[in-house]
PDB file of N, CA and C in Angstrom:
ATOM      1  N   MET A   1       2.454   6.844 -17.812  1.00  0.00           N
ATOM      2  CA  MET A   1       1.582   6.170 -16.861  1.00  0.00           C
ATOM      3  C   MET A   1       0.684   7.233 -16.219  1.00  0.00           C
ATOM      4  N   ASN A   2      -0.627   6.973 -16.187  1.00  0.00           N
ATOM      5  CA  ASN A   2      -1.526   7.959 -15.596  1.00  0.00           C
ATOM      6  C   ASN A   2      -1.522   7.856 -14.072  1.00  0.00           C
ATOM      7  N   ASP A   3      -2.095   8.880 -13.427  1.00  0.00           N
ATOM      8  CA  ASP A   3      -2.066   8.945 -11.966  1.00  0.00           C
ATOM      9  C   ASP A   3      -2.776   7.762 -11.306  1.00  0.00           C
ATOM     10  N   ASN A   4      -3.891   7.331 -11.875  1.00  0.00           N
ATOM     11  CA  ASN A   4      -4.642   6.223 -11.289  1.00  0.00           C
ATOM     12  C   ASN A   4      -3.824   4.937 -11.314  1.00  0.00           C
ATOM     13  N   LYS A   5      -3.178   4.678 -12.424  1.00  0.00           N
ATOM     14  CA  LYS A   5      -2.346   3.475 -12.551  1.00  0.00           C
ATOM     15  C   LYS A   5      -1.156   3.550 -11.586  1.00  0.00           C
ATOM     16  N   LEU A   6      -0.586   4.740 -11.448  1.00  0.00           N
ATOM     17  CA  LEU A   6       0.538   4.940 -10.542  1.00  0.00           C
ATOM     18  C   LEU A   6       0.119   4.698  -9.091  1.00  0.00           C
ATOM     19  N   MET A   7      -1.059   5.199  -8.712  1.00  0.00           N
ATOM     20  CA  MET A   7      -1.557   4.987  -7.350  1.00  0.00           C
ATOM     21  C   MET A   7      -1.817   3.504  -7.086  1.00  0.00           C
ATOM     22  N   ASN A   8      -2.335   2.797  -8.077  1.00  0.00           N
ATOM     23  CA  ASN A   8      -2.564   1.355  -7.921  1.00  0.00           C
ATOM     24  C   ASN A   8      -1.248   0.613  -7.735  1.00  0.00           C
ATOM     25  N   ARG A   9      -0.232   0.994  -8.486  1.00  0.00           N
ATOM     26  CA  ARG A   9       1.088   0.350  -8.333  1.00  0.00           C
ATOM     27  C   ARG A   9       1.680   0.654  -6.967  1.00  0.00           C
ATOM     28  N   ALA A  10       1.526   1.899  -6.513  1.00  0.00           N
ATOM     29  CA  ALA A  10       2.037   2.271  -5.194  1.00  0.00           C
ATOM     30  C   ALA A  10       1.344   1.456  -4.106  1.00  0.00           C
ATOM     31  N   ALA A  11       0.024   1.318  -4.203  1.00  0.00           N
ATOM     32  CA  ALA A  11      -0.731   0.536  -3.219  1.00  0.00           C
ATOM     33  C   ALA A  11      -0.295  -0.929  -3.240  1.00  0.00           C
ATOM     34  N   ASP A  12      -0.095  -1.480  -4.420  1.00  0.00           N
ATOM     35  CA  ASP A  12       0.365  -2.873  -4.530  1.00  0.00           C
ATOM     36  C   ASP A  12       1.738  -3.047  -3.890  1.00  0.00           C
ATOM     37  N   ASN A  13       2.633  -2.094  -4.115  1.00  0.00           N
ATOM     38  CA  ASN A  13       3.971  -2.170  -3.520  1.00  0.00           C
ATOM     39  C   ASN A  13       3.906  -2.090  -2.003  1.00  0.00           C
ATOM     40  N   ILE A  14       3.025  -1.235  -1.478  1.00  0.00           N
ATOM     41  CA  ILE A  14       2.863  -1.133  -0.028  1.00  0.00           C
ATOM     42  C   ILE A  14       2.375  -2.457   0.540  1.00  0.00           C
ATOM     43  N   ARG A  15       1.424  -3.095  -0.130  1.00  0.00           N
ATOM     44  CA  ARG A  15       0.917  -4.398   0.332  1.00  0.00           C
ATOM     45  C   ARG A  15       2.026  -5.442   0.371  1.00  0.00           C
ATOM     46  N   ILE A  16       2.822  -5.486  -0.677  1.00  0.00           N
ATOM     47  CA  ILE A  16       3.905  -6.471  -0.756  1.00  0.00           C
ATOM     48  C   ILE A  16       4.938  -6.232   0.337  1.00  0.00           C
ATOM     49  N   LEU A  17       5.320  -4.975   0.537  1.00  0.00           N
ATOM     50  CA  LEU A  17       6.297  -4.656   1.577  1.00  0.00           C
ATOM     51  C   LEU A  17       5.763  -4.987   2.968  1.00  0.00           C
ATOM     52  N   ALA A  18       4.492  -4.697   3.219  1.00  0.00           N
ATOM     53  CA  ALA A  18       3.901  -4.995   4.527  1.00  0.00           C
ATOM     54  C   ALA A  18       3.887  -6.496   4.782  1.00  0.00           C
ATOM     55  N   ALA A  19       3.504  -7.265   3.785  1.00  0.00           N
ATOM     56  CA  ALA A  19       3.490  -8.722   3.941  1.00  0.00           C
ATOM     57  C   ALA A  19       4.902  -9.251   4.179  1.00  0.00           C
ATOM     58  N   SER A  20       5.880  -8.680   3.501  1.00  0.00           N
ATOM     59  CA  SER A  20       7.272  -9.105   3.684  1.00  0.00           C
ATOM     60  C   SER A  20       7.765  -8.801   5.091  1.00  0.00           C
ATOM     61  N   MET A  21       7.392  -7.627   5.617  1.00  0.00           N
ATOM     62  CA  MET A  21       7.826  -7.264   6.972  1.00  0.00           C
ATOM     63  C   MET A  21       7.237  -8.212   8.010  1.00  0.00           C
ATOM     64  N   VAL A  22       5.956  -8.533   7.864  1.00  0.00           N
ATOM     65  CA  VAL A  22       5.309  -9.449   8.805  1.00  0.00           C
ATOM     66  C   VAL A  22       5.950 -10.827   8.719  1.00  0.00           C
ATOM     67  N   GLU A  23       6.214 -11.275   7.512  1.00  0.00           N
ATOM     68  CA  GLU A  23       6.832 -12.587   7.330  1.00  0.00           C
ATOM     69  C   GLU A  23       8.242 -12.622   7.916  1.00  0.00           C
ATOM     70  N   LYS A  24       9.016 -11.581   7.686  1.00  0.00           N
ATOM     71  CA  LYS A  24      10.390 -11.548   8.191  1.00  0.00           C
ATOM     72  C   LYS A  24      10.415 -11.485   9.718  1.00  0.00           C
ATOM     73  N   ALA A  25       9.486 -10.721  10.303  1.00  0.00           N
ATOM     74  CA  ALA A  25       9.433 -10.592  11.759  1.00  0.00           C
ATOM     75  C   ALA A  25       8.822 -11.824  12.424  1.00  0.00           C
ATOM     76  N   LYS A  26       8.141 -12.656  11.619  1.00  0.00           N
ATOM     77  CA  LYS A  26       7.439 -13.835  12.139  1.00  0.00           C
ATOM     78  C   LYS A  26       6.450 -13.437  13.234  1.00  0.00           C
ATOM     79  N   SER A  27       5.859 -12.259  13.062  1.00  0.00           N
ATOM     80  CA  SER A  27       4.913 -11.738  14.034  1.00  0.00           C
ATOM     81  C   SER A  27       4.090 -10.637  13.386  1.00  0.00           C
ATOM     82  N   GLY A  28       2.869 -10.476  13.852  1.00  0.00           N
ATOM     83  CA  GLY A  28       2.051  -9.368  13.385  1.00  0.00           C
ATOM     84  C   GLY A  28       1.036  -9.768  12.338  1.00  0.00           C
ATOM     85  N   HIS A  29       0.329  -8.759  11.862  1.00  0.00           N
ATOM     86  CA  HIS A  29      -0.728  -8.971  10.874  1.00  0.00           C
ATOM     87  C   HIS A  29      -0.767  -7.750   9.955  1.00  0.00           C
ATOM     88  N   PRO A  30      -0.767  -7.948   8.646  1.00  0.00           N
ATOM     89  CA  PRO A  30      -0.724  -6.812   7.716  1.00  0.00           C
ATOM     90  C   PRO A  30      -2.085  -6.173   7.448  1.00  0.00           C
ATOM     91  N   GLY A  31      -3.103  -6.493   8.238  1.00  0.00           N
ATOM     92  CA  GLY A  31      -4.458  -6.010   7.982  1.00  0.00           C
ATOM     93  C   GLY A  31      -4.585  -4.495   7.948  1.00  0.00           C
ATOM     94  N   GLY A  32      -3.916  -3.808   8.859  1.00  0.00           N
ATOM     95  CA  GLY A  32      -3.991  -2.345   8.886  1.00  0.00           C
ATOM     96  C   GLY A  32      -3.444  -1.721   7.624  1.00  0.00           C
ATOM     97  N   VAL A  33      -2.349  -2.245   7.155  1.00  0.00           N
ATOM     98  CA  VAL A  33      -1.749  -1.728   5.928  1.00  0.00           C
ATOM     99  C   VAL A  33      -2.623  -2.064   4.730  1.00  0.00           C
ATOM    100  N   GLU A  34      -3.236  -3.225   4.745  1.00  0.00           N
ATOM    101  CA  GLU A  34      -4.131  -3.616   3.652  1.00  0.00           C
ATOM    102  C   GLU A  34      -5.254  -2.607   3.486  1.00  0.00           C
ATOM    103  N   SER A  35      -5.880  -2.222   4.589  1.00  0.00           N
ATOM    104  CA  SER A  35      -7.002  -1.285   4.487  1.00  0.00           C
ATOM    105  C   SER A  35      -6.522   0.105   4.095  1.00  0.00           C
ATOM    106  N   THR A  36      -5.369   0.517   4.579  1.00  0.00           N
ATOM    107  CA  THR A  36      -4.840   1.836   4.239  1.00  0.00           C
ATOM    108  C   THR A  36      -4.418   1.902   2.782  1.00  0.00           C
ATOM    109  N   SER A  37      -3.828   0.843   2.259  1.00  0.00           N
ATOM    110  CA  SER A  37      -3.411   0.865   0.858  1.00  0.00           C
ATOM    111  C   SER A  37      -4.621   0.905  -0.071  1.00  0.00           C
ATOM    112  N   GLY A  38      -5.751   0.368   0.373  1.00  0.00           N
ATOM    113  CA  GLY A  38      -6.986   0.476  -0.398  1.00  0.00           C
ATOM    114  C   GLY A  38      -7.435   1.918  -0.518  1.00  0.00           C
ATOM    115  N   ARG A  39      -7.241   2.690   0.537  1.00  0.00           N
ATOM    116  CA  ARG A  39      -7.569   4.119   0.489  1.00  0.00           C
ATOM    117  C   ARG A  39      -6.672   4.848  -0.495  1.00  0.00           C
ATOM    118  N   LEU A  40      -5.428   4.438  -0.562  1.00  0.00           N
ATOM    119  CA  LEU A  40      -4.506   5.054  -1.513  1.00  0.00           C
ATOM    120  C   LEU A  40      -4.990   4.828  -2.936  1.00  0.00           C
ATOM    121  N   GLU A  41      -5.449   3.618  -3.213  1.00  0.00           N
ATOM    122  CA  GLU A  41      -5.972   3.301  -4.543  1.00  0.00           C
ATOM    123  C   GLU A  41      -7.191   4.145  -4.883  1.00  0.00           C
ATOM    124  N   GLN A  42      -8.019   4.415  -3.889  1.00  0.00           N
ATOM    125  CA  GLN A  42      -9.247   5.171  -4.124  1.00  0.00           C
ATOM    126  C   GLN A  42      -9.012   6.674  -4.128  1.00  0.00           C
ATOM    127  N   GLY A  43      -7.792   7.096  -3.868  1.00  0.00           N
ATOM    128  CA  GLY A  43      -7.480   8.521  -3.883  1.00  0.00           C
ATOM    129  C   GLY A  43      -7.918   9.253  -2.633  1.00  0.00           C
ATOM    130  N   GLN A  44      -8.133   8.530  -1.536  1.00  0.00           N
ATOM    131  CA  GLN A  44      -8.586   9.150  -0.294  1.00  0.00           C
ATOM    132  C   GLN A  44      -7.432   9.606   0.585  1.00  0.00           C
ATOM    133  N   VAL A  45      -6.220   9.331   0.182  1.00  0.00           N
ATOM    134  CA  VAL A  45      -5.046   9.722   0.952  1.00  0.00           C
ATOM    135  C   VAL A  45      -4.304  10.779   0.154  1.00  0.00           C
ATOM    136  N   GLY A  46      -4.004  11.883   0.793  1.00  0.00           N
ATOM    137  CA  GLY A  46      -3.282  12.946   0.096  1.00  0.00           C
ATOM    138  C   GLY A  46      -1.814  12.588  -0.042  1.00  0.00           C
ATOM    139  N   VAL A  47      -1.396  12.258  -1.232  1.00  0.00           N
ATOM    140  CA  VAL A  47      -0.010  11.873  -1.492  1.00  0.00           C
ATOM    141  C   VAL A  47       0.524  12.747  -2.610  1.00  0.00           C
ATOM    142  N   ARG A  48       1.649  13.345  -2.372  1.00  0.00           N
ATOM    143  CA  ARG A  48       2.278  14.162  -3.404  1.00  0.00           C
ATOM    144  C   ARG A  48       3.347  13.323  -4.081  1.00  0.00           C
ATOM    145  N   LEU A  49       3.210  13.141  -5.376  1.00  0.00           N
ATOM    146  CA  LEU A  49       4.110  12.253  -6.107  1.00  0.00           C
ATOM    147  C   LEU A  49       5.220  12.990  -6.839  1.00  0.00           C
ATOM    148  N   SER A  50       5.285  14.281  -6.706  1.00  0.00           N
ATOM    149  CA  SER A  50       6.344  15.010  -7.419  1.00  0.00           C
ATOM    150  C   SER A  50       7.103  15.927  -6.500  1.00  0.00           C
TER     151      SER A  50
END
């Protein structure tokens, strides 16, 4: 799996987890995480994967 595909999967997982947390808490809004995970997909966040 290449780095770009891996970053997209990581961003998708973050979105799913954020939505699950908001749903479980019955409070909040996942908008902040949505915008941040988009940055992860674009490579604007320094993440070390190894």
